[in-house]
């Protein structure tokens, strides 16, 4: 594996992780709000 390929793979990996985190963040916040309302 050459260096540019490795950089592309790490870039894609970090991008997908950031994308997943941005998608999950509002869901987690909504779940916390729902849980706090039930308590």
N, C-alpha and C. Protein backbone atom coordinates (compact mmCIF):
# COMPACT_ATOMS: atom_id res chain seq x y z
N UNK A 1 0.85 -1.20 0.00
CA UNK A 1 0.00 0.00 0.00
C UNK A 1 0.88 1.25 0.00
N UNK A 2 0.66 2.14 -0.95
CA UNK A 2 1.47 3.35 -1.03
C UNK A 2 0.93 4.41 -0.07
N UNK A 3 1.71 5.45 0.15
CA UNK A 3 1.31 6.48 1.10
C UNK A 3 0.01 7.21 0.73
N UNK A 4 -0.17 7.62 -0.54
CA UNK A 4 -1.42 8.31 -0.89
C UNK A 4 -2.65 7.45 -0.61
N UNK A 5 -2.56 6.14 -0.88
CA UNK A 5 -3.69 5.27 -0.60
C UNK A 5 -3.97 5.22 0.90
N UNK A 6 -2.90 5.14 1.69
CA UNK A 6 -3.06 5.09 3.14
C UNK A 6 -3.72 6.37 3.64
N UNK A 7 -3.28 7.51 3.11
CA UNK A 7 -3.86 8.78 3.53
C UNK A 7 -5.34 8.85 3.14
N UNK A 8 -5.66 8.34 1.96
CA UNK A 8 -7.05 8.35 1.50
C UNK A 8 -7.91 7.48 2.41
N UNK A 9 -7.38 6.33 2.79
CA UNK A 9 -8.14 5.42 3.66
C UNK A 9 -8.38 6.06 5.02
N UNK A 10 -7.33 6.66 5.60
CA UNK A 10 -7.49 7.29 6.91
C UNK A 10 -8.44 8.48 6.81
N UNK A 11 -8.36 9.24 5.72
CA UNK A 11 -9.25 10.38 5.52
C UNK A 11 -10.71 9.92 5.44
N UNK A 12 -10.94 8.85 4.66
CA UNK A 12 -12.29 8.32 4.54
C UNK A 12 -12.79 7.79 5.88
N UNK A 13 -11.88 7.13 6.62
CA UNK A 13 -12.27 6.57 7.92
C UNK A 13 -12.67 7.68 8.89
N UNK A 14 -11.82 8.74 8.98
CA UNK A 14 -12.14 9.85 9.87
C UNK A 14 -13.41 10.57 9.42
N UNK A 15 -13.58 10.68 8.10
CA UNK A 15 -14.78 11.33 7.58
C UNK A 15 -16.04 10.56 7.95
N UNK A 16 -15.99 9.24 7.83
CA UNK A 16 -17.17 8.44 8.16
C UNK A 16 -17.44 8.49 9.67
N UNK A 17 -16.38 8.51 10.48
CA UNK A 17 -16.55 8.59 11.93
C UNK A 17 -17.20 9.93 12.29
N UNK A 18 -16.68 11.03 11.72
CA UNK A 18 -17.26 12.34 11.98
C UNK A 18 -18.71 12.40 11.51
N UNK A 19 -18.98 11.82 10.34
CA UNK A 19 -20.34 11.81 9.80
C UNK A 19 -21.28 11.04 10.73
N UNK A 20 -20.82 9.90 11.23
CA UNK A 20 -21.64 9.10 12.14
C UNK A 20 -21.89 9.86 13.44
N UNK A 21 -20.85 10.53 13.96
CA UNK A 21 -21.00 11.29 15.20
C UNK A 21 -22.00 12.43 15.01
N UNK A 22 -21.91 13.14 13.89
CA UNK A 22 -22.85 14.24 13.66
C UNK A 22 -24.28 13.73 13.52
N UNK A 23 -24.43 12.52 12.96
CA UNK A 23 -25.78 11.95 12.86
C UNK A 23 -26.28 11.48 14.22
N UNK A 24 -25.39 10.90 15.02
CA UNK A 24 -25.79 10.33 16.30
C UNK A 24 -26.04 11.39 17.37
N UNK A 25 -25.36 12.54 17.28
CA UNK A 25 -25.43 13.54 18.35
C UNK A 25 -26.86 14.00 18.63
N UNK A 26 -27.64 14.42 17.61
CA UNK A 26 -29.02 14.84 17.89
C UNK A 26 -29.88 13.70 18.42
N UNK A 27 -29.62 12.48 17.94
CA UNK A 27 -30.40 11.32 18.40
C UNK A 27 -30.14 11.10 19.89
N UNK A 28 -28.87 11.18 20.29
CA UNK A 28 -28.52 10.99 21.70
C UNK A 28 -29.15 12.09 22.55
N UNK A 29 -29.11 13.35 22.06
CA UNK A 29 -29.72 14.45 22.81
C UNK A 29 -31.22 14.23 22.97
N UNK A 30 -31.89 13.80 21.90
CA UNK A 30 -33.33 13.55 21.99
C UNK A 30 -33.63 12.43 22.97
N UNK A 31 -32.81 11.38 22.97
CA UNK A 31 -33.01 10.28 23.90
C UNK A 31 -32.86 10.76 25.34
N UNK A 32 -31.87 11.63 25.60
CA UNK A 32 -31.67 12.16 26.95
C UNK A 32 -32.87 12.98 27.37
N UNK A 33 -33.40 13.81 26.46
CA UNK A 33 -34.58 14.63 26.78
C UNK A 33 -35.77 13.74 27.11
N UNK A 34 -35.97 12.68 26.30
CA UNK A 34 -37.09 11.76 26.54
C UNK A 34 -36.92 11.07 27.90
N UNK A 35 -35.69 10.63 28.19
CA UNK A 35 -35.45 9.95 29.47
C UNK A 35 -35.69 10.88 30.64
N UNK A 36 -35.22 12.13 30.52
CA UNK A 36 -35.38 13.07 31.63
C UNK A 36 -36.85 13.43 31.84
N UNK A 37 -37.63 13.42 30.77
CA UNK A 37 -39.06 13.71 30.91
C UNK A 37 -39.78 12.59 31.65
N UNK A 38 -39.35 11.36 31.45
CA UNK A 38 -40.01 10.22 32.08
C UNK A 38 -39.67 10.12 33.56
N UNK A 39 -38.50 10.65 33.95
CA UNK A 39 -38.10 10.53 35.36
C UNK A 39 -38.98 11.44 36.23
